[in-house]
Amino acid sequence: MAAASAMAEASSKTTSEEDQSIQEPKEANSTTAQKKRRGLRGSRRRHANRRRDSFGDSFAAYFPQVLKQVDQGLSLSPESVSVMDSMVHDILDRIATEAGRLARYAKRVTITSRDIQVAVRLLLPGKMGKIAEAQGTNATLRTSLCAIWQQRK
């Protein structure tokens, strides 16, 4: 028993010494990481922070605009905005994942608008998929036409 406890103490000493030797480079790496963060100066840093802080990963700014198109007198509570935001993120993630699979099946690296279109048809049921596809096609055409008009000017 004494031998077993002596071995346990010896093994705990070696692991604690190894932990200390492992922790030292981490501290050195953290100081170099801090130096790298300081690299952005002036307006570039402010603009980067502003963009990230003002928009973030939320679609909440668009919900009132869409709701205004449906009915002028309606508004959304913060809880409903949170639910809608989660739903939009979930659907967007599902469409992107499915479009990525379709591109991979076709042995392509780029996700095309056709992949997105097919993914929407596969994910959304029945008439909802057809309507979403039509809306997406119209939006794509509108954007393309606007780009052509901009080039002509």
N, C-alpha and C. Protein backbone atom coordinates (compact mmCIF):
# COMPACT_ATOMS: atom_id res chain seq x y z
N MET A 1 0.82 -1.18 0.00
CA MET A 1 0.00 0.00 0.00
C MET A 1 0.86 1.25 0.00
N ALA A 2 1.94 1.21 0.75
CA ALA A 2 2.83 2.37 0.80
C ALA A 2 3.44 2.63 -0.56
N ALA A 3 3.73 1.55 -1.29
CA ALA A 3 4.31 1.70 -2.62
C ALA A 3 3.30 2.32 -3.57
N ALA A 4 2.03 1.92 -3.42
CA ALA A 4 0.99 2.45 -4.31
C ALA A 4 0.79 3.94 -4.05
N SER A 5 0.78 4.34 -2.76
CA SER A 5 0.60 5.76 -2.46
C SER A 5 1.81 6.57 -2.92
N ALA A 6 3.02 6.00 -2.82
CA ALA A 6 4.21 6.70 -3.30
C ALA A 6 4.16 6.87 -4.82
N MET A 7 3.66 5.85 -5.53
CA MET A 7 3.53 5.97 -6.98
C MET A 7 2.49 7.01 -7.36
N ALA A 8 1.39 7.08 -6.61
CA ALA A 8 0.35 8.06 -6.88
C ALA A 8 0.88 9.47 -6.68
N GLU A 9 1.67 9.66 -5.59
CA GLU A 9 2.26 10.98 -5.35
C GLU A 9 3.23 11.35 -6.46
N ALA A 10 4.04 10.41 -6.89
CA ALA A 10 5.01 10.67 -7.95
C ALA A 10 4.30 11.02 -9.24
N SER A 11 3.22 10.29 -9.56
CA SER A 11 2.50 10.57 -10.81
C SER A 11 1.79 11.92 -10.72
N SER A 12 1.27 12.31 -9.53
CA SER A 12 0.61 13.60 -9.39
C SER A 12 1.62 14.73 -9.51
N LYS A 13 2.83 14.51 -9.02
CA LYS A 13 3.87 15.54 -9.14
C LYS A 13 4.24 15.74 -10.61
N THR A 14 4.37 14.67 -11.35
CA THR A 14 4.76 14.82 -12.75
C THR A 14 3.64 15.48 -13.55
N THR A 15 2.41 15.17 -13.24
CA THR A 15 1.32 15.79 -14.00
C THR A 15 1.21 17.27 -13.66
N SER A 16 1.45 17.63 -12.38
CA SER A 16 1.38 19.04 -12.03
C SER A 16 2.53 19.81 -12.66
N GLU A 17 3.72 19.18 -12.74
CA GLU A 17 4.85 19.83 -13.40
C GLU A 17 4.58 19.98 -14.90
N GLU A 18 3.95 18.95 -15.50
CA GLU A 18 3.61 19.03 -16.92
C GLU A 18 2.59 20.13 -17.16
N ASP A 19 1.60 20.25 -16.24
CA ASP A 19 0.58 21.27 -16.39
C ASP A 19 1.21 22.66 -16.37
N GLN A 20 2.18 22.87 -15.47
CA GLN A 20 2.83 24.17 -15.39
C GLN A 20 3.61 24.46 -16.65
N SER A 21 4.30 23.45 -17.18
CA SER A 21 5.08 23.69 -18.39
C SER A 21 4.16 23.93 -19.58
N ILE A 22 2.98 23.33 -19.57
CA ILE A 22 2.04 23.55 -20.65
C ILE A 22 1.40 24.92 -20.55
N GLN A 23 1.14 25.39 -19.34
CA GLN A 23 0.46 26.66 -19.14
C GLN A 23 1.35 27.85 -19.51
N GLU A 24 2.64 27.74 -19.36
CA GLU A 24 3.51 28.87 -19.64
C GLU A 24 3.42 29.34 -21.09
N PRO A 25 3.48 28.46 -22.10
CA PRO A 25 3.35 28.94 -23.46
C PRO A 25 2.00 29.56 -23.75
N LYS A 26 0.93 29.09 -23.08
CA LYS A 26 -0.39 29.67 -23.29
C LYS A 26 -0.39 31.13 -22.88
N GLU A 27 0.27 31.43 -21.78
CA GLU A 27 0.33 32.82 -21.33
C GLU A 27 1.10 33.66 -22.33
N ALA A 28 2.16 33.13 -22.87
CA ALA A 28 2.95 33.86 -23.86
C ALA A 28 2.12 34.08 -25.12
N ASN A 29 1.34 33.07 -25.52
CA ASN A 29 0.51 33.22 -26.70
C ASN A 29 -0.58 34.26 -26.49
N SER A 30 -1.11 34.35 -25.27
CA SER A 30 -2.16 35.32 -25.02
C SER A 30 -1.63 36.75 -25.12
N THR A 31 -0.38 36.98 -24.73
CA THR A 31 0.17 38.32 -24.86
C THR A 31 0.41 38.67 -26.32
N THR A 32 0.83 37.71 -27.12
CA THR A 32 1.00 37.99 -28.54
C THR A 32 -0.34 38.22 -29.20
N ALA A 33 -1.38 37.52 -28.73
CA ALA A 33 -2.72 37.73 -29.28
C ALA A 33 -3.20 39.14 -28.95
N GLN A 34 -2.90 39.62 -27.74
CA GLN A 34 -3.29 40.98 -27.37
C GLN A 34 -2.57 42.00 -28.25
N LYS A 35 -1.30 41.75 -28.56
CA LYS A 35 -0.57 42.67 -29.43
C LYS A 35 -1.17 42.69 -30.82
N LYS A 36 -1.63 41.53 -31.31
CA LYS A 36 -2.24 41.48 -32.62
C LYS A 36 -3.55 42.24 -32.65
N ARG A 37 -4.32 42.17 -31.56
CA ARG A 37 -5.59 42.88 -31.51
C ARG A 37 -5.39 44.38 -31.55
N ARG A 38 -4.31 44.86 -31.03
CA ARG A 38 -4.05 46.29 -31.01
C ARG A 38 -3.69 46.82 -32.39
N GLY A 39 -3.51 45.92 -33.36
CA GLY A 39 -3.05 46.33 -34.68
C GLY A 39 -4.00 47.27 -35.40
N LEU A 40 -5.33 47.07 -35.27
CA LEU A 40 -6.27 47.96 -35.93
C LEU A 40 -6.32 49.28 -35.18
N ARG A 41 -6.15 50.35 -35.90
CA ARG A 41 -6.13 51.65 -35.24
C ARG A 41 -7.12 52.59 -35.90
N GLY A 42 -7.53 53.58 -35.16
CA GLY A 42 -8.29 54.68 -35.72
C GLY A 42 -9.66 54.28 -36.25
N SER A 43 -10.00 54.87 -37.40
CA SER A 43 -11.35 54.72 -37.93
C SER A 43 -11.66 53.30 -38.36
N ARG A 44 -10.65 52.54 -38.83
CA ARG A 44 -10.92 51.17 -39.26
C ARG A 44 -11.48 50.35 -38.11
N ARG A 45 -10.91 50.52 -36.93
CA ARG A 45 -11.38 49.76 -35.77
C ARG A 45 -12.79 50.20 -35.39
N ARG A 46 -13.05 51.50 -35.42
CA ARG A 46 -14.37 52.00 -35.04
C ARG A 46 -15.44 51.52 -36.01
N HIS A 47 -15.14 51.55 -37.31
CA HIS A 47 -16.13 51.11 -38.29
C HIS A 47 -16.40 49.62 -38.17
N ALA A 48 -15.37 48.84 -37.92
CA ALA A 48 -15.56 47.40 -37.78
C ALA A 48 -16.46 47.11 -36.58
N ASN A 49 -16.23 47.80 -35.47
CA ASN A 49 -17.06 47.58 -34.29
C ASN A 49 -18.49 48.04 -34.52
N ARG A 50 -18.65 49.17 -35.22
CA ARG A 50 -19.98 49.71 -35.44
C ARG A 50 -20.79 48.75 -36.30
N ARG A 51 -20.18 48.22 -37.36
CA ARG A 51 -20.89 47.30 -38.22
C ARG A 51 -21.33 46.06 -37.44
N ARG A 52 -20.45 45.52 -36.65
CA ARG A 52 -20.77 44.31 -35.92
C ARG A 52 -21.82 44.60 -34.84
N ASP A 53 -21.72 45.74 -34.17
CA ASP A 53 -22.64 46.03 -33.08
C ASP A 53 -24.03 46.41 -33.58
N SER A 54 -24.11 47.19 -34.67
CA SER A 54 -25.40 47.68 -35.09
C SER A 54 -26.26 46.61 -35.73
N PHE A 55 -25.68 45.71 -36.52
CA PHE A 55 -26.47 44.71 -37.21
C PHE A 55 -26.40 43.36 -36.52
N GLY A 56 -25.21 42.89 -36.25
CA GLY A 56 -25.05 41.60 -35.62
C GLY A 56 -25.58 40.50 -36.51
N ASP A 57 -26.19 39.50 -35.92
CA ASP A 57 -26.74 38.39 -36.67
C ASP A 57 -28.26 38.38 -36.54
N SER A 58 -28.88 39.52 -36.55
CA SER A 58 -30.31 39.59 -36.32
C SER A 58 -31.03 40.15 -37.55
N PHE A 59 -32.22 39.61 -37.79
CA PHE A 59 -33.07 40.11 -38.86
C PHE A 59 -34.17 41.01 -38.30
N ALA A 60 -34.06 41.39 -37.05
CA ALA A 60 -35.12 42.12 -36.36
C ALA A 60 -35.42 43.46 -37.02
N ALA A 61 -34.45 44.08 -37.66
CA ALA A 61 -34.66 45.39 -38.28
C ALA A 61 -35.60 45.29 -39.48
N TYR A 62 -35.72 44.11 -40.09
CA TYR A 62 -36.53 43.95 -41.29
C TYR A 62 -37.98 43.59 -40.99
N PHE A 63 -38.26 43.08 -39.81
CA PHE A 63 -39.62 42.65 -39.50
C PHE A 63 -40.63 43.79 -39.52
N PRO A 64 -40.35 44.96 -38.96
CA PRO A 64 -41.33 46.06 -39.04
C PRO A 64 -41.59 46.50 -40.48
N GLN A 65 -40.57 46.47 -41.34
CA GLN A 65 -40.76 46.88 -42.74
C GLN A 65 -41.70 45.92 -43.45
N VAL A 66 -41.51 44.63 -43.23
CA VAL A 66 -42.38 43.63 -43.87
C VAL A 66 -43.78 43.71 -43.28
N LEU A 67 -43.88 43.90 -41.99
CA LEU A 67 -45.18 43.99 -41.33
C LEU A 67 -45.96 45.20 -41.82
N LYS A 68 -45.27 46.28 -42.12
CA LYS A 68 -45.91 47.49 -42.62
C LYS A 68 -46.53 47.24 -44.00
N GLN A 69 -45.91 46.37 -44.79
CA GLN A 69 -46.47 46.03 -46.10
C GLN A 69 -47.76 45.23 -45.96
N VAL A 70 -47.87 44.46 -44.89
CA VAL A 70 -49.06 43.63 -44.67
C VAL A 70 -50.19 44.46 -44.07
N ASP A 71 -49.92 45.16 -42.97
CA ASP A 71 -50.94 45.94 -42.29
C ASP A 71 -50.26 47.07 -41.52
N GLN A 72 -50.79 48.27 -41.65
CA GLN A 72 -50.18 49.45 -41.04
C GLN A 72 -50.28 49.46 -39.51
N GLY A 73 -51.36 48.96 -38.95
CA GLY A 73 -51.60 49.11 -37.53
C GLY A 73 -50.97 48.06 -36.63
N LEU A 74 -50.30 47.08 -37.19
CA LEU A 74 -49.76 45.99 -36.37
C LEU A 74 -48.34 46.29 -35.92
N SER A 75 -47.98 45.68 -34.77
CA SER A 75 -46.60 45.77 -34.28
C SER A 75 -46.24 44.43 -33.64
N LEU A 76 -44.96 44.26 -33.36
CA LEU A 76 -44.47 43.00 -32.79
C LEU A 76 -43.90 43.23 -31.39
N SER A 77 -44.19 42.31 -30.50
CA SER A 77 -43.59 42.38 -29.16
C SER A 77 -42.15 41.87 -29.25
N PRO A 78 -41.31 42.20 -28.27
CA PRO A 78 -39.93 41.71 -28.29
C PRO A 78 -39.83 40.18 -28.30
N GLU A 79 -40.76 39.50 -27.63
CA GLU A 79 -40.75 38.05 -27.63
C GLU A 79 -41.04 37.49 -29.02
N SER A 80 -42.01 38.10 -29.71
CA SER A 80 -42.35 37.63 -31.04
C SER A 80 -41.23 37.92 -32.04
N VAL A 81 -40.53 39.04 -31.85
CA VAL A 81 -39.38 39.34 -32.70
C VAL A 81 -38.29 38.29 -32.49
N SER A 82 -38.09 37.88 -31.26
CA SER A 82 -37.09 36.86 -30.96
C SER A 82 -37.46 35.52 -31.60
N VAL A 83 -38.74 35.15 -31.53
CA VAL A 83 -39.20 33.91 -32.13
C VAL A 83 -39.03 33.96 -33.65
N MET A 84 -39.43 35.07 -34.25
CA MET A 84 -39.31 35.23 -35.71
C MET A 84 -37.84 35.18 -36.13
N ASP A 85 -36.98 35.82 -35.36
CA ASP A 85 -35.56 35.84 -35.68
C ASP A 85 -34.98 34.42 -35.62
N SER A 86 -35.36 33.67 -34.61
CA SER A 86 -34.90 32.28 -34.50
C SER A 86 -35.39 31.44 -35.67
N MET A 87 -36.64 31.68 -36.07
CA MET A 87 -37.21 30.92 -37.18
C MET A 87 -36.49 31.23 -38.49
N VAL A 88 -36.22 32.49 -38.74
CA VAL A 88 -35.53 32.88 -39.97
C VAL A 88 -34.12 32.30 -39.99
N HIS A 89 -33.42 32.35 -38.87
CA HIS A 89 -32.08 31.76 -38.79
C HIS A 89 -32.13 30.25 -39.05
N ASP A 90 -33.13 29.58 -38.49
CA ASP A 90 -33.25 28.15 -38.66
C ASP A 90 -33.51 27.79 -40.12
N ILE A 91 -34.44 28.47 -40.76
CA ILE A 91 -34.76 28.20 -42.17
C ILE A 91 -33.56 28.51 -43.05
N LEU A 92 -32.88 29.62 -42.78
CA LEU A 92 -31.71 29.99 -43.57
C LEU A 92 -30.61 28.93 -43.44
N ASP A 93 -30.42 28.43 -42.23
CA ASP A 93 -29.42 27.39 -42.01
C ASP A 93 -29.79 26.11 -42.74
N ARG A 94 -31.06 25.73 -42.69
CA ARG A 94 -31.50 24.52 -43.38
C ARG A 94 -31.32 24.64 -44.89
N ILE A 95 -31.69 25.79 -45.45
CA ILE A 95 -31.56 25.99 -46.90
C ILE A 95 -30.09 25.96 -47.30
N ALA A 96 -29.24 26.63 -46.54
CA ALA A 96 -27.81 26.65 -46.87
C ALA A 96 -27.20 25.25 -46.78
N THR A 97 -27.60 24.50 -45.78
CA THR A 97 -27.08 23.14 -45.62
C THR A 97 -27.50 22.26 -46.78
N GLU A 98 -28.79 22.34 -47.14
CA GLU A 98 -29.30 21.52 -48.25
C GLU A 98 -28.67 21.94 -49.58
N ALA A 99 -28.51 23.24 -49.79
CA ALA A 99 -27.88 23.71 -51.03
C ALA A 99 -26.42 23.27 -51.10
N GLY A 100 -25.75 23.26 -49.96
CA GLY A 100 -24.37 22.77 -49.91
C GLY A 100 -24.30 21.29 -50.26
N ARG A 101 -25.27 20.51 -49.77
CA ARG A 101 -25.31 19.09 -50.12
C ARG A 101 -25.52 18.89 -51.61
N LEU A 102 -26.45 19.68 -52.18
CA LEU A 102 -26.73 19.56 -53.61
C LEU A 102 -25.50 19.90 -54.45
N ALA A 103 -24.78 20.93 -54.03
CA ALA A 103 -23.56 21.30 -54.76
C ALA A 103 -22.51 20.21 -54.63
N ARG A 104 -22.41 19.62 -53.45
CA ARG A 104 -21.44 18.55 -53.24
C ARG A 104 -21.79 17.32 -54.07
N TYR A 105 -23.09 17.00 -54.18
CA TYR A 105 -23.52 15.86 -54.99
C TYR A 105 -23.13 16.07 -56.45
N ALA A 106 -23.20 17.32 -56.90
CA ALA A 106 -22.85 17.64 -58.29
C ALA A 106 -21.35 17.86 -58.46
N LYS A 107 -20.58 17.63 -57.39
CA LYS A 107 -19.12 17.77 -57.40
C LYS A 107 -18.68 19.19 -57.78
N ARG A 108 -19.39 20.17 -57.18
CA ARG A 108 -19.04 21.57 -57.38
C ARG A 108 -18.69 22.19 -56.04
N VAL A 109 -17.89 23.23 -56.07
CA VAL A 109 -17.50 23.91 -54.85
C VAL A 109 -18.43 25.09 -54.56
N THR A 110 -19.01 25.66 -55.60
CA THR A 110 -19.82 26.86 -55.47
C THR A 110 -21.31 26.51 -55.38
N ILE A 111 -21.99 27.17 -54.44
CA ILE A 111 -23.44 27.04 -54.35
C ILE A 111 -24.04 28.05 -55.31
N THR A 112 -24.84 27.59 -56.26
CA THR A 112 -25.44 28.48 -57.25
C THR A 112 -26.87 28.83 -56.85
N SER A 113 -27.46 29.75 -57.60
CA SER A 113 -28.85 30.13 -57.32
C SER A 113 -29.78 28.95 -57.60
N ARG A 114 -29.41 28.12 -58.53
CA ARG A 114 -30.19 26.91 -58.83
C ARG A 114 -30.21 25.97 -57.61
N ASP A 115 -29.07 25.83 -56.93
CA ASP A 115 -29.02 25.00 -55.73
C ASP A 115 -29.94 25.54 -54.64
N ILE A 116 -29.93 26.85 -54.47
CA ILE A 116 -30.80 27.48 -53.47
C ILE A 116 -32.27 27.24 -53.85
N GLN A 117 -32.57 27.39 -55.14
CA GLN A 117 -33.93 27.21 -55.61
C GLN A 117 -34.43 25.79 -55.34
N VAL A 118 -33.62 24.82 -55.67
CA VAL A 118 -34.01 23.42 -55.46
C VAL A 118 -34.11 23.12 -53.96
N ALA A 119 -33.20 23.67 -53.17
CA ALA A 119 -33.25 23.45 -51.72
C ALA A 119 -34.54 24.00 -51.12
N VAL A 120 -34.97 25.15 -51.59
CA VAL A 120 -36.22 25.74 -51.09
C VAL A 120 -37.39 24.85 -51.45
N ARG A 121 -37.41 24.35 -52.69
CA ARG A 121 -38.50 23.47 -53.11
C ARG A 121 -38.52 22.17 -52.31
N LEU A 122 -37.33 21.67 -51.95
CA LEU A 122 -37.26 20.43 -51.18
C LEU A 122 -37.68 20.63 -49.72
N LEU A 123 -37.32 21.77 -49.15
CA LEU A 123 -37.56 21.97 -47.71
C LEU A 123 -38.96 22.47 -47.38
N LEU A 124 -39.49 23.36 -48.20
CA LEU A 124 -40.80 23.92 -47.88
C LEU A 124 -41.90 23.09 -48.53
N PRO A 125 -42.95 22.81 -47.80
CA PRO A 125 -43.97 21.89 -48.31
C PRO A 125 -44.92 22.54 -49.32
N GLY A 126 -45.25 21.78 -50.35
CA GLY A 126 -46.32 22.10 -51.29
C GLY A 126 -46.29 23.48 -51.90
N LYS A 127 -47.42 24.18 -51.74
CA LYS A 127 -47.59 25.49 -52.36
C LYS A 127 -46.65 26.53 -51.76
N MET A 128 -46.31 26.36 -50.50
CA MET A 128 -45.38 27.31 -49.86
C MET A 128 -44.03 27.30 -50.58
N GLY A 129 -43.55 26.13 -50.96
CA GLY A 129 -42.29 26.03 -51.69
C GLY A 129 -42.36 26.69 -53.04
N LYS A 130 -43.50 26.51 -53.74
CA LYS A 130 -43.66 27.12 -55.06
C LYS A 130 -43.70 28.64 -54.96
N ILE A 131 -44.42 29.14 -53.97
CA ILE A 131 -44.52 30.59 -53.78
C ILE A 131 -43.16 31.17 -53.40
N ALA A 132 -42.44 30.50 -52.50
CA ALA A 132 -41.12 30.98 -52.09
C ALA A 132 -40.15 30.98 -53.26
N GLU A 133 -40.24 29.96 -54.10
CA GLU A 133 -39.38 29.90 -55.28
C GLU A 133 -39.68 31.06 -56.22
N ALA A 134 -40.97 31.33 -56.45
CA ALA A 134 -41.35 32.43 -57.33
C ALA A 134 -40.88 33.77 -56.78
N GLN A 135 -41.04 33.97 -55.48
CA GLN A 135 -40.60 35.23 -54.86
C GLN A 135 -39.08 35.40 -54.98
N GLY A 136 -38.35 34.31 -54.74
CA GLY A 136 -36.89 34.37 -54.86
C GLY A 136 -36.44 34.64 -56.27
N THR A 137 -37.11 34.03 -57.25
CA THR A 137 -36.78 34.26 -58.65
C THR A 137 -37.03 35.71 -59.03
N ASN A 138 -38.17 36.26 -58.60
CA ASN A 138 -38.47 37.67 -58.88
C ASN A 138 -37.44 38.59 -58.25
N ALA A 139 -37.05 38.31 -57.02
CA ALA A 139 -36.05 39.14 -56.35
C ALA A 139 -34.71 39.09 -57.06
N THR A 140 -34.33 37.89 -57.51
CA THR A 140 -33.07 37.74 -58.24
C THR A 140 -33.11 38.51 -59.56
N LEU A 141 -34.23 38.41 -60.28
CA LEU A 141 -34.36 39.14 -61.54
C LEU A 141 -34.32 40.65 -61.33
N ARG A 142 -35.02 41.11 -60.30
CA ARG A 142 -35.02 42.55 -59.99
C ARG A 142 -33.61 43.05 -59.70
N THR A 143 -32.87 42.27 -58.90
CA THR A 143 -31.50 42.66 -58.56
C THR A 143 -30.61 42.67 -59.80
N SER A 144 -30.78 41.67 -60.66
CA SER A 144 -29.99 41.61 -61.89
C SER A 144 -30.31 42.78 -62.81
N LEU A 145 -31.59 43.11 -62.95
CA LEU A 145 -31.98 44.23 -63.80
C LEU A 145 -31.46 45.55 -63.26
N CYS A 146 -31.50 45.72 -61.96
CA CYS A 146 -30.96 46.95 -61.36
C CYS A 146 -29.47 47.07 -61.63
N ALA A 147 -28.77 45.96 -61.55
CA ALA A 147 -27.33 45.98 -61.82
C ALA A 147 -27.06 46.34 -63.28
N ILE A 148 -27.88 45.84 -64.20
CA ILE A 148 -27.71 46.17 -65.63
C ILE A 148 -27.98 47.65 -65.85
N TRP A 149 -29.04 48.19 -65.24
CA TRP A 149 -29.34 49.62 -65.40
C TRP A 149 -28.23 50.49 -64.82
N GLN A 150 -27.64 50.05 -63.73
CA GLN A 150 -26.53 50.81 -63.12
C GLN A 150 -25.34 50.85 -64.06
N GLN A 151 -25.07 49.76 -64.76
CA GLN A 151 -23.94 49.71 -65.68
C GLN A 151 -24.17 50.60 -66.90
N ARG A 152 -25.41 50.71 -67.35
CA ARG A 152 -25.72 51.54 -68.53
C ARG A 152 -25.55 53.02 -68.25
N LYS A 153 -25.74 53.43 -67.03
CA LYS A 153 -25.66 54.86 -66.69
C LYS A 153 -24.27 55.36 -66.71
